[in-house]
Amino acid sequence: MLEKLTIGDFQPHLNQQFFITFASEATHAVQLIKITPWSHGSDKYRQPFTLEFETDFKEKYYPQGVFVLQHPEHGPFDLFMVPIGPSKKGMIYEVVIS
């Protein structure tokens, strides 16, 4: 399923709540705050894009790794996520889909 995800799957959910399972005992609500397209893609390849999710982690955060992303309209996906820095609310995680 991951190979079929497109930017269009996420655009309707900008600024909505998702859930990330960082560990078996740690599922946290996050907000999709930014979607950035990289290029137009082609007939053979999808358009690459970046997603940014904002947490409420002010002091502690999880290092980069593969975590489970969930949204009520989509099944769970294992995605590689990288903490890219704090916002006023908390840590921001980036996901690159190419």
Protein backbone atom coordinates (compact mmCIF):
# COMPACT_ATOMS: atom_id res chain seq x y z
CA MET A 1 0.00 0.00 0.00
CA LEU A 2 2.83 2.42 0.79
CA GLU A 3 4.00 2.37 -2.82
CA LYS A 4 0.55 3.64 -3.88
CA LEU A 5 0.41 6.66 -1.55
CA THR A 6 0.30 10.01 -3.34
CA ILE A 7 0.29 13.61 -2.27
CA GLY A 8 -3.44 13.60 -3.01
CA ASP A 9 -3.98 11.06 -0.24
CA PHE A 10 -2.76 13.59 2.32
CA GLN A 11 -3.86 17.01 0.99
CA PRO A 12 -7.45 16.71 2.29
CA HIS A 13 -6.02 15.98 5.76
CA LEU A 14 -3.76 19.03 6.13
CA ASN A 15 -4.09 20.42 9.68
CA GLN A 16 -5.90 17.27 10.81
CA GLN A 17 -5.01 14.86 13.57
CA PHE A 18 -3.06 11.67 12.91
CA PHE A 19 -1.54 9.21 15.36
CA ILE A 20 2.05 7.98 15.45
CA THR A 21 3.02 4.85 17.35
CA PHE A 22 6.61 5.45 18.41
CA ALA A 23 6.78 2.34 20.60
CA SER A 24 4.33 -0.36 21.62
CA GLU A 25 3.30 1.68 24.66
CA ALA A 26 3.57 5.12 23.06
CA THR A 27 0.95 6.27 20.56
CA HIS A 28 0.66 10.06 20.30
CA ALA A 29 -1.70 12.42 18.54
CA VAL A 30 0.06 14.64 16.00
CA GLN A 31 -1.07 17.24 13.48
CA LEU A 32 -0.19 17.24 9.77
CA ILE A 33 1.06 20.82 9.42
CA LYS A 34 2.81 20.89 6.05
CA ILE A 35 2.83 19.06 2.71
CA THR A 36 5.59 19.96 0.25
CA PRO A 37 5.69 18.63 -3.33
CA TRP A 38 9.16 18.13 -4.80
CA SER A 39 8.47 17.81 -8.52
CA HIS A 40 5.72 16.79 -10.90
CA GLY A 41 6.53 13.08 -11.11
CA SER A 42 5.98 11.24 -14.38
CA ASP A 43 3.85 8.54 -15.97
CA LYS A 44 6.13 5.93 -14.36
CA TYR A 45 6.74 7.52 -10.94
CA ARG A 46 4.61 9.32 -8.41
CA GLN A 47 5.31 12.90 -7.42
CA PRO A 48 7.72 12.90 -4.45
CA PHE A 49 6.62 14.92 -1.42
CA THR A 50 7.38 15.69 2.19
CA LEU A 51 5.00 15.60 5.15
CA GLU A 52 5.57 17.40 8.44
CA PHE A 53 3.82 16.35 11.64
CA GLU A 54 3.82 18.46 14.80
CA THR A 55 3.84 16.78 18.21
CA ASP A 56 3.47 18.23 21.68
CA PHE A 57 6.87 16.88 22.80
CA LYS A 58 8.54 19.89 24.42
CA GLU A 59 11.42 18.25 26.23
CA LYS A 60 11.59 14.62 25.18
CA TYR A 61 11.31 13.23 21.67
CA TYR A 62 11.99 10.04 19.76
CA PRO A 63 15.02 9.76 17.48
CA GLN A 64 14.61 8.99 13.79
CA GLY A 65 13.24 5.60 12.92
CA VAL A 66 10.40 3.63 11.40
CA PHE A 67 7.13 4.37 13.17
CA VAL A 68 3.46 3.62 12.48
CA LEU A 69 1.33 6.48 11.12
CA GLN A 70 -2.45 6.17 11.41
CA HIS A 71 -5.44 8.21 10.27
CA PRO A 72 -9.12 7.20 10.56
CA GLU A 73 -9.54 7.21 6.75
CA HIS A 74 -6.32 5.32 5.99
CA GLY A 75 -4.83 2.14 7.35
CA PRO A 76 -1.65 2.13 9.41
CA PHE A 77 1.60 2.73 7.49
CA ASP A 78 5.17 2.06 8.59
CA LEU A 79 7.12 5.19 7.64
CA PHE A 80 10.64 6.44 8.29
CA MET A 81 10.39 9.67 10.30
CA VAL A 82 13.03 12.18 11.29
CA PRO A 83 12.73 14.82 14.02
CA ILE A 84 13.68 18.07 12.26
CA GLY A 85 13.39 20.53 15.11
CA PRO A 86 11.06 22.08 17.63
CA SER A 87 8.18 24.46 17.01
CA LYS A 88 6.47 26.55 19.68
CA LYS A 89 4.16 23.59 20.34
CA GLY A 90 6.61 20.67 20.15
CA MET A 91 8.89 18.53 17.99
CA ILE A 92 8.26 18.32 14.24
CA TYR A 93 8.77 15.03 12.40
CA GLU A 94 9.39 14.83 8.67
CA VAL A 95 8.41 12.01 6.32
CA VAL A 96 9.74 11.86 2.76
CA ILE A 97 7.74 9.86 0.21
CA SER A 98 9.47 9.43 -3.11
